[in-house]
């Protein structure tokens, strides 16, 4: 049976690898040589899991959504990453990487952020561990996610608005990499998603795998078996999706459905659905599917969701899509907004706009479901940060 896990060279099928400037070679190579040994050590695992339990608040609940189940003709369970400290799955990765940074002797942390949840999580971890923190965020995202910006500053981070490009996540990542190139010896770059040069996609996936680790025993407890029929998640760079599927990636009994950001529509040019419209290229150190012109210039992405507003998708998901292991569908802005309001009204849960893109796929795939199929959908974050956007559209959504 084919495995969809990473190979010894840092590739998922044809996707992945480490395409980096010479100045970063030693830094990335040191990380590649060290990370597995550190992450699998008893000392790291104990410290990490103690913090997940007592600081992050894990395990996150697996909630049976009764009214949503009735509507979509299945047994729908929501994995509640929105209930983590800081409000999203991002904290799982930030806590793990800050421990990794300390064990590698690094004294300064940088990060990129889109919606701000990774920036907040990194700033939180740095405050906890007494490490200086600089976060790069596109100027447009600084504006539309101002609450998270203020949270980062309150936590002691320096937030640098990026004015280049379309002033979103791609541009923030570019600036973070420039900083890293200038300060490779003492700086640890905490990447927030399953993107970037190897070993970052594997590091982030391993740290987020606590999500599917918990799903296994929670399902055993609730339904008497440790696997669902379907797993669903939103996908941009792909960290919450990677964590959701990690322990099921080679289990063909489990179908994988991912929702990416369609923006105004995949055919409009105003989209971030890179798996639908992208071609193979190299971005931020990794071979992935990305939105680009025929001569390799990046096409600026668009999504109402700052966390999915990225022109590519992590190599894990590129391979799953390429091999047909995952069904990937686009949810447009209006569909995501409608889905967010639906969850709010039916279950009393206000999701992040990112998570709403997974919810918006339910009407597109529910005909596949049998009545007793178990569907686990990860609610990757809570909607506090998106209230301004939701309120702009409340009349459209039928208040």
Protein backbone atom coordinates (compact mmCIF):
# COMPACT_ATOMS: atom_id res chain seq x y z
CA UNK A 1 0.00 0.00 0.00
CA UNK A 2 1.26 3.48 -0.86
CA UNK A 3 2.20 5.68 2.08
CA UNK A 4 1.38 9.39 2.07
CA UNK A 5 3.88 10.18 4.81
CA UNK A 6 7.09 12.12 4.33
CA UNK A 7 10.07 10.26 2.83
CA UNK A 8 13.69 10.33 4.01
CA UNK A 9 14.51 13.22 1.68
CA UNK A 10 11.75 15.51 2.95
CA UNK A 11 9.30 14.94 0.12
CA UNK A 12 5.64 13.96 -0.05
CA UNK A 13 5.52 12.41 -3.50
CA UNK A 14 6.93 15.13 -5.77
CA UNK A 15 6.21 17.92 -3.29
CA UNK A 16 8.37 19.33 -0.49
CA UNK A 17 12.15 19.49 -0.21
CA UNK A 18 14.32 22.39 0.92
CA UNK A 19 15.07 25.09 -1.64
CA UNK A 20 16.90 27.69 0.41
CA UNK A 21 19.54 30.41 0.06
CA UNK A 22 23.09 29.38 0.90
CA UNK A 23 23.17 31.60 3.98
CA UNK A 24 20.41 29.49 5.59
CA UNK A 25 21.86 26.09 4.65
CA UNK A 26 23.71 25.47 7.92
CA UNK A 27 20.76 26.64 10.05
CA UNK A 28 18.21 24.48 8.24
CA UNK A 29 20.59 21.50 8.12
CA UNK A 30 21.17 21.74 11.89
CA UNK A 31 17.41 21.76 12.40
CA UNK A 32 16.95 18.78 10.07
CA UNK A 33 19.61 16.79 11.94
CA UNK A 34 18.21 17.64 15.39
CA UNK A 35 14.43 17.82 15.26
CA UNK A 36 13.41 14.14 15.31
CA UNK A 37 15.75 13.29 18.17
CA UNK A 38 14.50 16.26 20.21
CA UNK A 39 10.78 15.82 19.46
CA UNK A 40 10.90 12.10 20.28
CA UNK A 41 12.94 12.47 23.48
CA UNK A 42 11.24 11.67 26.77
CA UNK A 43 12.26 15.07 28.18
CA UNK A 44 10.64 17.01 25.33
CA UNK A 45 7.50 14.88 25.23
CA UNK A 46 6.88 15.27 28.95
CA UNK A 47 7.42 19.04 28.94
CA UNK A 48 5.32 19.48 25.78
CA UNK A 49 2.38 17.35 26.92
CA UNK A 50 2.39 18.89 30.41
CA UNK A 51 2.06 22.33 28.81
CA UNK A 52 -0.64 21.13 26.40
CA UNK A 53 -2.63 19.82 29.36
CA UNK A 54 -2.11 22.53 31.98
CA UNK A 55 -1.49 25.63 29.85
CA UNK A 56 -3.23 25.09 26.50
CA UNK A 57 -6.18 23.24 28.05
CA UNK A 58 -6.04 20.00 26.09
CA UNK A 59 -7.62 17.66 25.27
CA UNK A 60 -9.98 19.78 23.20
CA UNK A 61 -13.53 18.37 23.24
CA UNK A 62 -15.00 16.23 20.48
CA UNK A 63 -18.55 17.54 20.39
CA UNK A 64 -21.55 15.78 18.83
CA UNK A 65 -23.38 18.47 16.85
CA UNK A 66 -26.94 17.14 17.04
CA UNK A 67 -28.77 19.76 14.97
CA UNK A 68 -26.07 19.94 12.31
CA UNK A 69 -26.10 16.13 12.16
CA UNK A 70 -29.83 16.12 11.49
CA UNK A 71 -29.44 18.72 8.76
CA UNK A 72 -26.61 16.95 6.92
CA UNK A 73 -27.70 13.33 7.38
CA UNK A 74 -24.73 11.97 9.32
CA UNK A 75 -23.24 11.79 12.79
CA UNK A 76 -21.23 15.03 12.85
CA UNK A 77 -18.61 15.57 15.53
CA UNK A 78 -16.75 18.87 15.88
CA UNK A 79 -13.16 18.82 17.10
CA UNK A 80 -13.12 22.00 19.18
CA UNK A 81 -9.67 23.54 18.62
CA UNK A 82 -11.40 26.89 19.11
CA UNK A 83 -11.44 26.16 22.84
CA UNK A 84 -7.64 26.09 23.15
CA UNK A 85 -5.82 28.90 24.97
CA UNK A 86 -5.46 31.79 22.47
CA UNK A 87 -8.46 30.52 20.49
CA UNK A 88 -7.06 28.23 17.81
CA UNK A 89 -4.96 25.17 16.97
CA UNK A 90 -1.90 27.39 16.38
CA UNK A 91 -0.84 27.21 20.03
CA UNK A 92 -0.08 23.46 19.73
CA UNK A 93 2.68 24.22 17.24
CA UNK A 94 3.97 27.41 18.85
CA UNK A 95 4.50 25.73 22.23
CA UNK A 96 6.32 22.81 20.58
CA UNK A 97 8.56 24.99 18.43
CA UNK A 98 9.51 27.34 21.28
CA UNK A 99 10.67 24.31 23.26
CA UNK A 100 12.61 23.12 20.20
CA UNK A 101 14.20 26.58 19.85
CA UNK A 102 15.33 26.62 23.47
CA UNK A 103 16.80 23.13 23.23
CA UNK A 104 18.76 24.24 20.14
CA UNK A 105 20.17 27.24 22.02
CA UNK A 106 18.37 29.95 20.05
CA UNK A 107 17.77 33.27 21.82
CA UNK A 108 15.39 35.14 19.50
CA UNK A 109 12.14 34.17 17.76
CA UNK A 110 10.52 35.47 14.58
CA UNK A 111 7.21 34.49 13.00
CA UNK A 112 4.85 35.38 10.19
CA UNK A 113 1.11 35.65 10.61
CA UNK A 114 -1.98 36.20 8.49
CA UNK A 115 -5.13 36.11 10.58
CA UNK A 116 -2.98 36.79 13.62
CA UNK A 117 -3.71 33.53 15.45
CA UNK A 118 -0.21 32.14 14.82
CA UNK A 119 1.28 35.50 15.79
CA UNK A 120 -0.71 35.53 19.02
CA UNK A 121 0.24 31.91 19.75
CA UNK A 122 3.93 32.63 19.11
CA UNK A 123 3.85 35.82 21.20
CA UNK A 124 2.15 33.83 23.97
CA UNK A 125 4.78 31.08 23.87
CA UNK A 126 7.58 33.65 23.86
CA UNK A 127 6.10 35.45 26.86
CA UNK A 128 5.84 32.12 28.65
CA UNK A 129 9.46 31.23 27.87
CA UNK A 130 10.92 34.76 28.24
CA UNK A 131 12.10 34.98 24.62
CA UNK A 132 12.09 38.18 22.46
CA UNK A 133 9.59 37.90 19.61
CA UNK A 134 9.17 39.73 16.30
CA UNK A 135 6.06 39.05 14.19
CA UNK A 136 5.70 40.05 10.54
CA UNK A 137 2.15 40.69 9.36
CA UNK A 138 0.85 42.11 6.08
CA UNK A 139 -0.42 45.68 6.48
CA UNK A 140 -3.87 44.68 5.19
CA UNK A 141 -4.06 41.90 7.78
CA UNK A 142 -2.89 44.31 10.50
CA UNK A 143 -5.89 46.44 9.61
CA UNK A 144 -8.51 43.68 9.40
CA UNK A 145 -7.17 41.74 12.41
CA UNK A 146 -6.40 44.70 14.69
CA UNK A 147 -7.60 42.90 17.84
CA UNK A 148 -4.98 40.18 17.37
CA UNK A 149 -2.34 42.83 16.68
CA UNK A 150 -3.10 44.45 20.03
CA UNK A 151 -2.98 41.06 21.74
CA UNK A 152 0.49 40.40 20.28
CA UNK A 153 1.73 43.78 21.46
CA UNK A 154 0.23 43.26 24.91
CA UNK A 155 2.14 39.96 25.10
CA UNK A 156 5.39 41.83 24.41
CA UNK A 157 5.91 41.04 20.72
CA UNK A 158 7.13 43.56 18.15
CA UNK A 159 4.65 43.57 15.25
CA UNK A 160 6.04 44.79 11.92
CA UNK A 161 3.42 45.66 9.25
CA UNK A 162 4.56 44.60 5.77
CA UNK A 163 3.70 47.09 3.03
CA UNK A 164 4.94 45.10 -0.01
CA UNK A 165 2.90 42.99 -2.45
CA UNK A 166 -0.78 42.73 -1.55
CA UNK A 167 0.18 43.18 2.12
CA UNK A 168 -1.00 39.75 3.29
CA UNK A 169 0.45 36.41 4.43
CA UNK A 170 2.79 35.74 1.50
CA UNK A 171 4.43 39.13 1.96
CA UNK A 172 4.75 38.66 5.72
CA UNK A 173 6.49 35.32 5.08
CA UNK A 174 8.87 36.98 2.60
CA UNK A 175 9.91 39.53 5.22
CA UNK A 176 10.32 36.90 7.94
CA UNK A 177 12.64 34.92 5.65
CA UNK A 178 14.69 38.08 4.93
CA UNK A 179 15.09 38.63 8.68
CA UNK A 180 16.11 34.97 9.11
CA UNK A 181 18.73 35.33 6.37
CA UNK A 182 20.22 38.31 8.23
CA UNK A 183 20.20 36.61 11.66
CA UNK A 184 20.61 32.86 11.13
CA UNK A 185 22.85 32.12 14.13
CA UNK A 186 20.68 33.22 17.04
CA UNK A 187 17.18 33.32 15.50
CA UNK A 188 14.58 30.55 15.38
CA UNK A 189 11.85 31.02 12.79
CA UNK A 190 8.59 29.57 14.11
CA UNK A 191 6.66 28.81 10.91
CA UNK A 192 2.93 28.61 11.53
CA UNK A 193 1.81 26.11 8.93
CA UNK A 194 2.92 23.02 7.02
CA UNK A 195 4.87 25.14 4.53
CA UNK A 196 8.48 26.19 4.11
CA UNK A 197 11.62 24.11 3.60
CA UNK A 198 11.98 20.61 5.04
CA UNK A 199 11.85 19.85 7.94
CA UNK A 200 9.22 22.52 8.75
CA UNK A 201 6.18 20.80 7.19
CA UNK A 202 7.01 17.64 9.15
CA UNK A 203 7.72 19.54 12.39
CA UNK A 204 4.39 21.37 12.24
CA UNK A 205 2.47 18.21 11.27
CA UNK A 206 4.03 16.26 14.15
CA UNK A 207 3.20 18.99 16.67
CA UNK A 208 -0.38 19.33 15.38
CA UNK A 209 -0.83 15.53 15.32
CA UNK A 210 -2.11 15.78 18.90
CA UNK A 211 -5.45 16.62 17.22
CA UNK A 212 -5.86 13.23 15.54
CA UNK A 213 -4.22 11.46 18.47
CA UNK A 214 -7.08 12.72 20.63
CA UNK A 215 -9.73 12.02 17.97
CA UNK A 216 -8.74 8.34 18.07
CA UNK A 217 -9.37 7.79 21.76
CA UNK A 218 -12.30 10.19 21.89
CA UNK A 219 -14.10 8.28 19.13
CA UNK A 220 -13.33 4.98 20.86
CA UNK A 221 -14.94 6.41 23.97
CA UNK A 222 -18.00 7.76 22.14
CA UNK A 223 -18.78 5.24 19.38
CA UNK A 224 -16.70 2.18 20.24
CA UNK A 225 -14.20 2.47 17.38
CA UNK A 226 -11.20 4.74 16.91
CA UNK A 227 -11.73 5.98 13.35
CA UNK A 228 -14.38 8.07 11.56
CA UNK A 229 -15.76 7.55 8.07
CA UNK A 230 -14.85 11.10 7.06
CA UNK A 231 -12.41 13.76 8.27
CA UNK A 232 -12.97 17.38 7.28
CA UNK A 233 -10.89 20.53 7.76
CA UNK A 234 -10.10 23.84 6.10
CA UNK A 235 -6.80 24.08 4.26
CA UNK A 236 -4.59 27.06 3.48
CA UNK A 237 -1.00 26.31 4.36
CA UNK A 238 -2.51 23.28 6.03
CA UNK A 239 -1.54 22.89 9.70
CA UNK A 240 -4.94 22.14 11.27
CA UNK A 241 -5.74 19.80 8.38
CA UNK A 242 -2.39 18.03 8.79
CA UNK A 243 -3.04 17.56 12.51
CA UNK A 244 -6.57 16.29 11.87
CA UNK A 245 -5.48 13.61 9.40
CA UNK A 246 -1.98 12.76 10.71
CA UNK A 247 -2.81 9.43 12.38
CA UNK A 248 -5.25 8.44 9.61
CA UNK A 249 -3.31 9.49 6.53
CA UNK A 250 -2.61 5.90 5.41
CA UNK A 251 -5.93 4.47 6.69
CA UNK A 252 -8.02 4.05 3.55
CA UNK A 253 -11.16 3.41 5.65
CA UNK A 254 -11.13 7.14 6.41
CA UNK A 255 -12.05 9.56 3.63
CA UNK A 256 -10.47 13.03 3.73
CA UNK A 257 -12.34 16.16 2.59
CA UNK A 258 -10.64 19.56 2.67
CA UNK A 259 -12.08 23.02 2.04
CA UNK A 260 -9.89 25.74 0.56
CA UNK A 261 -10.65 29.41 0.05
CA UNK A 262 -12.48 30.09 -3.20
CA UNK A 263 -12.61 33.85 -2.60
CA UNK A 264 -14.96 35.39 -5.15
CA UNK A 265 -14.84 32.18 -7.23
CA UNK A 266 -12.07 29.97 -8.61
CA UNK A 267 -12.58 31.38 -12.12
CA UNK A 268 -12.58 35.05 -11.12
CA UNK A 269 -8.88 35.57 -10.45
CA UNK A 270 -9.90 36.67 -6.94
CA UNK A 271 -9.25 33.38 -5.15
CA UNK A 272 -6.83 31.50 -2.90
CA UNK A 273 -7.83 28.02 -4.14
CA UNK A 274 -4.32 27.04 -5.16
CA UNK A 275 -5.06 23.31 -5.36
CA UNK A 276 -7.81 24.08 -7.87
CA UNK A 277 -6.00 26.63 -10.04
CA UNK A 278 -2.32 26.34 -9.13
CA UNK A 279 0.63 24.76 -10.92
CA UNK A 280 3.80 23.20 -9.53
CA UNK A 281 6.52 25.63 -8.49
CA UNK A 282 8.73 26.66 -5.60
CA UNK A 283 7.65 29.10 -2.91
CA UNK A 284 9.21 29.84 0.49
CA UNK A 285 11.63 26.94 0.22
CA UNK A 286 9.26 24.15 -0.84
CA UNK A 287 8.02 22.56 -4.06
CA UNK A 288 4.24 22.92 -3.98
CA UNK A 289 1.19 23.80 -6.06
CA UNK A 290 0.91 27.55 -6.20
CA UNK A 291 -0.81 30.35 -8.04
CA UNK A 292 1.62 31.74 -10.59
CA UNK A 293 1.86 33.18 -14.08
CA UNK A 294 3.33 31.22 -17.00
CA UNK A 295 6.72 32.81 -16.33
CA UNK A 296 6.65 31.95 -12.62
CA UNK A 297 5.52 35.22 -11.03
CA UNK A 298 3.25 34.79 -8.00
CA UNK A 299 -0.41 35.58 -8.58
CA UNK A 300 -1.71 37.49 -5.57
CA UNK A 301 -4.33 35.43 -3.70
CA UNK A 302 -7.60 36.73 -2.32
CA UNK A 303 -9.86 35.45 0.45
CA UNK A 304 -12.14 37.07 2.97
CA UNK A 305 -10.21 34.91 5.47
CA UNK A 306 -6.77 36.29 6.36
CA UNK A 307 -5.55 32.87 7.49
CA UNK A 308 -6.27 31.23 4.11
CA UNK A 309 -5.06 34.15 1.98
CA UNK A 310 -1.90 32.39 0.70
CA UNK A 311 -0.95 31.55 -2.91
CA UNK A 312 0.06 27.95 -2.22
CA UNK A 313 -0.70 24.89 -0.12
CA UNK A 314 1.67 22.80 1.99
CA UNK A 315 3.35 19.79 0.32
CA UNK A 316 1.45 17.25 2.44
CA UNK A 317 -1.86 18.38 0.97
CA UNK A 318 -0.51 18.91 -2.54
CA UNK A 319 0.42 15.23 -2.58
CA UNK A 320 -2.90 14.07 -1.09
CA UNK A 321 -4.74 16.07 -3.75
CA UNK A 322 -2.42 14.95 -6.55
CA UNK A 323 -2.84 11.26 -5.64
CA UNK A 324 -6.59 11.52 -5.07
CA UNK A 325 -6.29 10.62 -1.37
CA UNK A 326 -8.07 13.83 -0.37
CA UNK A 327 -11.12 15.41 -1.95
CA UNK A 328 -10.47 19.17 -2.06
CA UNK A 329 -13.30 21.61 -2.73
CA UNK A 330 -13.36 25.41 -2.78
CA UNK A 331 -15.71 27.43 -0.60
CA UNK A 332 -16.32 31.00 -1.73
CA UNK A 333 -16.53 33.98 0.64
CA UNK A 334 -20.33 34.05 0.66
CA UNK A 335 -20.56 30.30 1.30
CA UNK A 336 -18.15 30.57 4.24
CA UNK A 337 -20.09 33.46 5.75
CA UNK A 338 -23.35 31.55 5.43
CA UNK A 339 -21.79 28.45 7.01
CA UNK A 340 -20.44 30.48 9.94
CA UNK A 341 -23.87 31.90 10.67
CA UNK A 342 -25.42 28.46 10.35
CA UNK A 343 -23.11 26.93 12.97
CA UNK A 344 -23.70 29.91 15.23
CA UNK A 345 -27.48 29.59 15.03
CA UNK A 346 -27.71 25.77 15.12
CA UNK A 347 -25.04 24.95 17.68
CA UNK A 348 -24.17 28.21 19.46
CA UNK A 349 -20.56 28.16 18.24
CA UNK A 350 -19.07 31.19 16.43
CA UNK A 351 -16.23 29.80 14.28
CA UNK A 352 -13.23 31.54 12.77
CA UNK A 353 -13.64 32.47 9.11
CA UNK A 354 -10.97 29.87 8.29
CA UNK A 355 -12.97 27.08 9.94
CA UNK A 356 -16.12 28.30 8.19
CA UNK A 357 -14.57 27.18 4.89
CA UNK A 358 -14.64 23.57 6.11
CA UNK A 359 -18.23 23.96 7.31
CA UNK A 360 -19.17 25.43 3.91
CA UNK A 361 -18.15 22.17 2.22
CA UNK A 362 -20.83 20.19 4.11
CA UNK A 363 -23.68 21.10 1.69
CA UNK A 364 -21.45 20.13 -1.25
CA UNK A 365 -20.64 16.63 0.03
CA UNK A 366 -23.56 15.60 2.28
CA UNK A 367 -25.09 13.46 -0.46
CA UNK A 368 -22.09 11.15 -0.01
CA UNK A 369 -22.98 10.54 3.65
CA UNK A 370 -24.97 7.59 4.92
CA UNK A 371 -27.16 8.26 7.94
CA UNK A 372 -24.85 6.49 10.39
CA UNK A 373 -21.55 7.74 8.90
CA UNK A 374 -19.29 9.41 11.45
CA UNK A 375 -17.91 12.73 10.22
CA UNK A 376 -15.30 14.59 12.26
CA UNK A 377 -14.83 18.25 11.29
CA UNK A 378 -12.16 20.36 12.93
CA UNK A 379 -13.23 23.82 14.07
CA UNK A 380 -9.71 25.23 13.94
CA UNK A 381 -10.41 28.54 15.67
CA UNK A 382 -13.02 30.77 17.26
CA UNK A 383 -14.62 33.76 15.60
CA UNK A 384 -13.84 36.58 18.04
CA UNK A 385 -11.16 37.93 15.72
CA UNK A 386 -13.59 37.98 12.77
CA UNK A 387 -16.54 39.74 14.40
CA UNK A 388 -15.94 42.98 12.48
CA UNK A 389 -16.12 41.05 9.21
CA UNK A 390 -19.20 39.10 10.29
CA UNK A 391 -20.97 42.28 11.33
CA UNK A 392 -20.33 43.84 7.92
CA UNK A 393 -22.34 41.03 6.35
CA UNK A 394 -25.03 40.51 9.00
CA UNK A 395 -27.74 42.06 6.84
CA UNK A 396 -26.77 39.87 3.89
CA UNK A 397 -26.91 36.82 6.11
CA UNK A 398 -30.39 37.69 7.31
CA UNK A 399 -29.41 38.88 10.83
